[in-house]
């Protein structure tokens, strides 16, 4: 009977390690997605700024 509970404890421990590993992997994936979102937002702001400046330069030239 003790072997039975020992086997269950071992399986639960292994499962816990797997869940922790998957959680860490997902955390890394979320961090990468957040970084890509920040870069996309920066790119959008830069493009918007450049478009506004083009308009200002054009109006000044007139």
PDB file of N, CA and C in Angstrom:
ATOM      1  N   UNK A   1       0.820  -1.192   0.000  1.00  0.00           N
ATOM      2  CA  UNK A   1       0.000   0.000   0.000  1.00  0.00           C
ATOM      3  C   UNK A   1       0.867   1.261   0.000  1.00  0.00           C
ATOM      4  N   UNK A   2       1.972   1.191   0.727  1.00  0.00           N
ATOM      5  CA  UNK A   2       2.863   2.345   0.784  1.00  0.00           C
ATOM      6  C   UNK A   2       3.469   2.607  -0.596  1.00  0.00           C
ATOM      7  N   UNK A   3       3.767   1.547  -1.338  1.00  0.00           N
ATOM      8  CA  UNK A   3       4.293   1.706  -2.696  1.00  0.00           C
ATOM      9  C   UNK A   3       3.283   2.416  -3.593  1.00  0.00           C
ATOM     10  N   UNK A   4       2.020   2.114  -3.377  1.00  0.00           N
ATOM     11  CA  UNK A   4       0.952   2.747  -4.155  1.00  0.00           C
ATOM     12  C   UNK A   4       0.955   4.261  -3.935  1.00  0.00           C
ATOM     13  N   UNK A   5       0.991   4.668  -2.659  1.00  0.00           N
ATOM     14  CA  UNK A   5       0.983   6.095  -2.353  1.00  0.00           C
ATOM     15  C   UNK A   5       2.285   6.768  -2.782  1.00  0.00           C
ATOM     16  N   UNK A   6       3.365   6.047  -2.690  1.00  0.00           N
ATOM     17  CA  UNK A   6       4.655   6.569  -3.140  1.00  0.00           C
ATOM     18  C   UNK A   6       4.630   6.816  -4.648  1.00  0.00           C
ATOM     19  N   UNK A   7       4.031   5.889  -5.388  1.00  0.00           N
ATOM     20  CA  UNK A   7       3.923   6.045  -6.844  1.00  0.00           C
ATOM     21  C   UNK A   7       3.033   7.231  -7.194  1.00  0.00           C
ATOM     22  N   UNK A   8       1.949   7.406  -6.451  1.00  0.00           N
ATOM     23  CA  UNK A   8       1.056   8.551  -6.688  1.00  0.00           C
ATOM     24  C   UNK A   8       1.794   9.858  -6.393  1.00  0.00           C
ATOM     25  N   UNK A   9       2.512   9.909  -5.285  1.00  0.00           N
ATOM     26  CA  UNK A   9       3.267  11.116  -4.929  1.00  0.00           C
ATOM     27  C   UNK A   9       4.311  11.435  -5.990  1.00  0.00           C
ATOM     28  N   UNK A  10       4.980  10.412  -6.487  1.00  0.00           N
ATOM     29  CA  UNK A  10       5.995  10.609  -7.529  1.00  0.00           C
ATOM     30  C   UNK A  10       5.352  11.139  -8.814  1.00  0.00           C
ATOM     31  N   UNK A  11       4.211  10.569  -9.194  1.00  0.00           N
ATOM     32  CA  UNK A  11       3.515  11.019 -10.405  1.00  0.00           C
ATOM     33  C   UNK A  11       3.033  12.460 -10.259  1.00  0.00           C
ATOM     34  N   UNK A  12       2.507  12.795  -9.090  1.00  0.00           N
ATOM     35  CA  UNK A  12       2.048  14.168  -8.855  1.00  0.00           C
ATOM     36  C   UNK A  12       3.212  15.152  -8.894  1.00  0.00           C
ATOM     37  N   UNK A  13       4.343  14.749  -8.342  1.00  0.00           N
ATOM     38  CA  UNK A  13       5.528  15.602  -8.358  1.00  0.00           C
ATOM     39  C   UNK A  13       6.002  15.844  -9.788  1.00  0.00           C
ATOM     40  N   UNK A  14       6.024  14.787 -10.581  1.00  0.00           N
ATOM     41  CA  UNK A  14       6.440  14.913 -11.981  1.00  0.00           C
ATOM     42  C   UNK A  14       5.465  15.807 -12.745  1.00  0.00           C
ATOM     43  N   UNK A  15       4.169  15.628 -12.498  1.00  0.00           N
ATOM     44  CA  UNK A  15       3.159  16.454 -13.152  1.00  0.00           C
ATOM     45  C   UNK A  15       3.332  17.916 -12.760  1.00  0.00           C
ATOM     46  N   UNK A  16       3.623  18.154 -11.497  1.00  0.00           N
ATOM     47  CA  UNK A  16       3.837  19.518 -11.013  1.00  0.00           C
ATOM     48  C   UNK A  16       5.025  20.159 -11.719  1.00  0.00           C
ATOM     49  N   UNK A  17       6.102  19.400 -11.897  1.00  0.00           N
ATOM     50  CA  UNK A  17       7.278  19.909 -12.611  1.00  0.00           C
ATOM     51  C   UNK A  17       6.931  20.246 -14.058  1.00  0.00           C
ATOM     52  N   UNK A  18       6.131  19.393 -14.696  1.00  0.00           N
ATOM     53  CA  UNK A  18       5.725  19.646 -16.085  1.00  0.00           C
ATOM     54  C   UNK A  18       4.881  20.909 -16.186  1.00  0.00           C
ATOM     55  N   UNK A  19       3.952  21.076 -15.257  1.00  0.00           N
ATOM     56  CA  UNK A  19       3.097  22.263 -15.258  1.00  0.00           C
ATOM     57  C   UNK A  19       3.940  23.513 -15.045  1.00  0.00           C
ATOM     58  N   UNK A  20       4.895  23.442 -14.133  1.00  0.00           N
ATOM     59  CA  UNK A  20       5.768  24.592 -13.879  1.00  0.00           C
ATOM     60  C   UNK A  20       6.578  24.934 -15.125  1.00  0.00           C
ATOM     61  N   UNK A  21       7.072  23.919 -15.814  1.00  0.00           N
ATOM     62  CA  UNK A  21       7.832  24.158 -17.046  1.00  0.00           C
ATOM     63  C   UNK A  21       6.973  24.781 -18.128  1.00  0.00           C
ATOM     64  N   UNK A  22       5.744  24.297 -18.266  1.00  0.00           N
ATOM     65  CA  UNK A  22       4.830  24.862 -19.263  1.00  0.00           C
ATOM     66  C   UNK A  22       4.476  26.299 -18.914  1.00  0.00           C
ATOM     67  N   UNK A  23       4.292  26.562 -17.637  1.00  0.00           N
ATOM     68  CA  UNK A  23       3.966  27.914 -17.189  1.00  0.00           C
ATOM     69  C   UNK A  23       5.107  28.876 -17.507  1.00  0.00           C
ATOM     70  N   UNK A  24       6.335  28.447 -17.253  1.00  0.00           N
ATOM     71  CA  UNK A  24       7.499  29.288 -17.553  1.00  0.00           C
ATOM     72  C   UNK A  24       7.598  29.547 -19.052  1.00  0.00           C
ATOM     73  N   UNK A  25       7.328  28.526 -19.852  1.00  0.00           N
ATOM     74  CA  UNK A  25       7.373  28.687 -21.309  1.00  0.00           C
ATOM     75  C   UNK A  25       6.312  29.684 -21.766  1.00  0.00           C
ATOM     76  N   UNK A  26       5.121  29.571 -21.220  1.00  0.00           N
ATOM     77  CA  UNK A  26       4.041  30.489 -21.603  1.00  0.00           C
ATOM     78  C   UNK A  26       4.354  31.915 -21.155  1.00  0.00           C
ATOM     79  N   UNK A  27       4.974  32.044 -19.989  1.00  0.00           N
ATOM     80  CA  UNK A  27       5.368  33.368 -19.513  1.00  0.00           C
ATOM     81  C   UNK A  27       6.359  33.996 -20.487  1.00  0.00           C
ATOM     82  N   UNK A  28       7.315  33.203 -20.971  1.00  0.00           N
ATOM     83  CA  UNK A  28       8.278  33.698 -21.960  1.00  0.00           C
ATOM     84  C   UNK A  28       7.576  34.088 -23.256  1.00  0.00           C
ATOM     85  N   UNK A  29       6.602  33.281 -23.677  1.00  0.00           N
ATOM     86  CA  UNK A  29       5.857  33.586 -24.903  1.00  0.00           C
ATOM     87  C   UNK A  29       5.067  34.880 -24.743  1.00  0.00           C
ATOM     88  N   UNK A  30       4.452  35.074 -23.585  1.00  0.00           N
ATOM     89  CA  UNK A  30       3.685  36.294 -23.329  1.00  0.00           C
ATOM     90  C   UNK A  30       4.612  37.501 -23.318  1.00  0.00           C
ATOM     91  N   UNK A  31       5.787  37.358 -22.721  1.00  0.00           N
ATOM     92  CA  UNK A  31       6.756  38.457 -22.699  1.00  0.00           C
ATOM     93  C   UNK A  31       7.188  38.817 -24.118  1.00  0.00           C
ATOM     94  N   UNK A  32       7.392  37.816 -24.968  1.00  0.00           N
ATOM     95  CA  UNK A  32       7.773  38.070 -26.357  1.00  0.00           C
ATOM     96  C   UNK A  32       6.648  38.790 -27.102  1.00  0.00           C
ATOM     97  N   UNK A  33       5.411  38.359 -26.900  1.00  0.00           N
ATOM     98  CA  UNK A  33       4.269  39.008 -27.552  1.00  0.00           C
ATOM     99  C   UNK A  33       4.141  40.451 -27.077  1.00  0.00           C
ATOM    100  N   UNK A  34       4.338  40.693 -25.785  1.00  0.00           N
ATOM    101  CA  UNK A  34       4.268  42.053 -25.252  1.00  0.00           C
ATOM    102  C   UNK A  34       5.363  42.925 -25.859  1.00  0.00           C
ATOM    103  N   UNK A  35       6.557  42.371 -26.011  1.00  0.00           N
ATOM    104  CA  UNK A  35       7.665  43.118 -26.618  1.00  0.00           C
ATOM    105  C   UNK A  35       7.339  43.462 -28.070  1.00  0.00           C
ATOM    106  N   UNK A  36       6.793  42.492 -28.805  1.00  0.00           N
ATOM    107  CA  UNK A  36       6.425  42.736 -30.198  1.00  0.00           C
ATOM    108  C   UNK A  36       5.320  43.782 -30.293  1.00  0.00           C
ATOM    109  N   UNK A  37       4.387  43.761 -29.361  1.00  0.00           N
ATOM    110  CA  UNK A  37       3.312  44.758 -29.352  1.00  0.00           C
ATOM    111  C   UNK A  37       3.880  46.150 -29.090  1.00  0.00           C
ATOM    112  N   UNK A  38       4.829  46.251 -28.161  1.00  0.00           N
ATOM    113  CA  UNK A  38       5.473  47.540 -27.887  1.00  0.00           C
ATOM    114  C   UNK A  38       6.212  48.053 -29.119  1.00  0.00           C
ATOM    115  N   UNK A  39       6.923  47.156 -29.799  1.00  0.00           N
ATOM    116  CA  UNK A  39       7.650  47.552 -31.005  1.00  0.00           C
ATOM    117  C   UNK A  39       6.685  47.999 -32.104  1.00  0.00           C
ATOM    118  N   UNK A  40       5.569  47.307 -32.238  1.00  0.00           N
ATOM    119  CA  UNK A  40       4.575  47.685 -33.245  1.00  0.00           C
ATOM    120  C   UNK A  40       3.971  49.041 -32.910  1.00  0.00           C
ATOM    121  N   UNK A  41       3.715  49.279 -31.629  1.00  0.00           N
ATOM    122  CA  UNK A  41       3.163  50.567 -31.210  1.00  0.00           C
ATOM    123  C   UNK A  41       4.164  51.686 -31.480  1.00  0.00           C
ATOM    124  N   UNK A  42       5.435  51.451 -31.163  1.00  0.00           N
ATOM    125  CA  UNK A  42       6.472  52.448 -31.442  1.00  0.00           C
ATOM    126  C   UNK A  42       6.554  52.736 -32.938  1.00  0.00           C
ATOM    127  N   UNK A  43       6.470  51.698 -33.744  1.00  0.00           N
ATOM    128  CA  UNK A  43       6.515  51.857 -35.194  1.00  0.00           C
ATOM    129  C   UNK A  43       5.326  52.673 -35.686  1.00  0.00           C
ATOM    130  N   UNK A  44       4.155  52.403 -35.124  1.00  0.00           N
ATOM    131  CA  UNK A  44       2.952  53.146 -35.505  1.00  0.00           C
ATOM    132  C   UNK A  44       3.086  54.613 -35.132  1.00  0.00           C
ATOM    133  N   UNK A  45       3.577  54.883 -33.922  1.00  0.00           N
ATOM    134  CA  UNK A  45       3.770  56.274 -33.500  1.00  0.00           C
ATOM    135  C   UNK A  45       4.776  56.978 -34.407  1.00  0.00           C
ATOM    136  N   UNK A  46       5.839  56.278 -34.761  1.00  0.00           N
ATOM    137  CA  UNK A  46       6.857  56.848 -35.636  1.00  0.00           C
ATOM    138  C   UNK A  46       6.274  57.161 -37.009  1.00  0.00           C
ATOM    139  N   UNK A  47       5.500  56.238 -37.550  1.00  0.00           N
ATOM    140  CA  UNK A  47       4.891  56.458 -38.865  1.00  0.00           C
ATOM    141  C   UNK A  47       3.908  57.614 -38.816  1.00  0.00           C
ATOM    142  N   UNK A  48       3.127  57.692 -37.745  1.00  0.00           N
ATOM    143  CA  UNK A  48       2.169  58.792 -37.588  1.00  0.00           C
ATOM    144  C   UNK A  48       2.907  60.118 -37.490  1.00  0.00           C
ATOM    145  N   UNK A  49       3.992  60.148 -36.707  1.00  0.00           N
ATOM    146  CA  UNK A  49       4.787  61.363 -36.554  1.00  0.00           C
ATOM    147  C   UNK A  49       5.373  61.787 -37.900  1.00  0.00           C
ATOM    148  N   UNK A  50       5.899  60.822 -38.648  1.00  0.00           N
ATOM    149  CA  UNK A  50       6.484  61.138 -39.950  1.00  0.00           C
ATOM    150  C   UNK A  50       5.436  61.683 -40.909  1.00  0.00           C
ATOM    151  N   UNK A  51       4.239  61.126 -40.904  1.00  0.00           N
ATOM    152  CA  UNK A  51       3.170  61.616 -41.778  1.00  0.00           C
ATOM    153  C   UNK A  51       2.773  63.036 -41.392  1.00  0.00           C
ATOM    154  N   UNK A  52       2.697  63.318 -40.103  1.00  0.00           N
ATOM    155  CA  UNK A  52       2.358  64.672 -39.649  1.00  0.00           C
ATOM    156  C   UNK A  52       3.438  65.656 -40.083  1.00  0.00           C
ATOM    157  N   UNK A  53       4.711  65.250 -39.953  1.00  0.00           N
ATOM    158  CA  UNK A  53       5.806  66.134 -40.351  1.00  0.00           C
ATOM    159  C   UNK A  53       5.799  66.395 -41.848  1.00  0.00           C
ATOM    160  N   UNK A  54       5.469  65.401 -42.649  1.00  0.00           N
ATOM    161  CA  UNK A  54       5.399  65.602 -44.096  1.00  0.00           C
ATOM    162  C   UNK A  54       4.377  66.672 -44.422  1.00  0.00           C
ATOM    163  N   UNK A  55       3.247  66.620 -43.741  1.00  0.00           N
ATOM    164  CA  UNK A  55       2.211  67.623 -43.964  1.00  0.00           C
ATOM    165  C   UNK A  55       2.677  69.001 -43.544  1.00  0.00           C
ATOM    166  N   UNK A  56       3.374  69.114 -42.425  1.00  0.00           N
ATOM    167  CA  UNK A  56       3.856  70.406 -41.954  1.00  0.00           C
ATOM    168  C   UNK A  56       4.909  70.969 -42.899  1.00  0.00           C
ATOM    169  N   UNK A  57       5.803  70.121 -43.368  1.00  0.00           N
ATOM    170  CA  UNK A  57       6.835  70.576 -44.300  1.00  0.00           C
ATOM    171  C   UNK A  57       6.182  71.050 -45.592  1.00  0.00           C
ATOM    172  N   UNK A  58       5.190  70.330 -46.066  1.00  0.00           N
ATOM    173  CA  UNK A  58       4.492  70.707 -47.291  1.00  0.00           C
ATOM    174  C   UNK A  58       3.811  72.066 -47.113  1.00  0.00           C
ATOM    175  N   UNK A  59       3.141  72.283 -45.991  1.00  0.00           N
ATOM    176  CA  UNK A  59       2.462  73.557 -45.761  1.00  0.00           C
ATOM    177  C   UNK A  59       3.466  74.700 -45.617  1.00  0.00           C
ATOM    178  N   UNK A  60       4.604  74.449 -45.004  1.00  0.00           N
ATOM    179  CA  UNK A  60       5.622  75.493 -44.869  1.00  0.00           C
ATOM    180  C   UNK A  60       6.194  75.860 -46.240  1.00  0.00           C
ATOM    181  N   UNK A  61       6.290  74.866 -47.111  1.00  0.00           N
ATOM    182  CA  UNK A  61       6.846  75.126 -48.441  1.00  0.00           C
ATOM    183  C   UNK A  61       5.911  76.013 -49.258  1.00  0.00           C
ATOM    184  N   UNK A  62       4.634  75.927 -48.984  1.00  0.00           N
ATOM    185  CA  UNK A  62       3.674  76.761 -49.713  1.00  0.00           C
ATOM    186  C   UNK A  62       3.804  78.161 -49.228  1.00  0.00           C
TER     187      UNK A  62
END
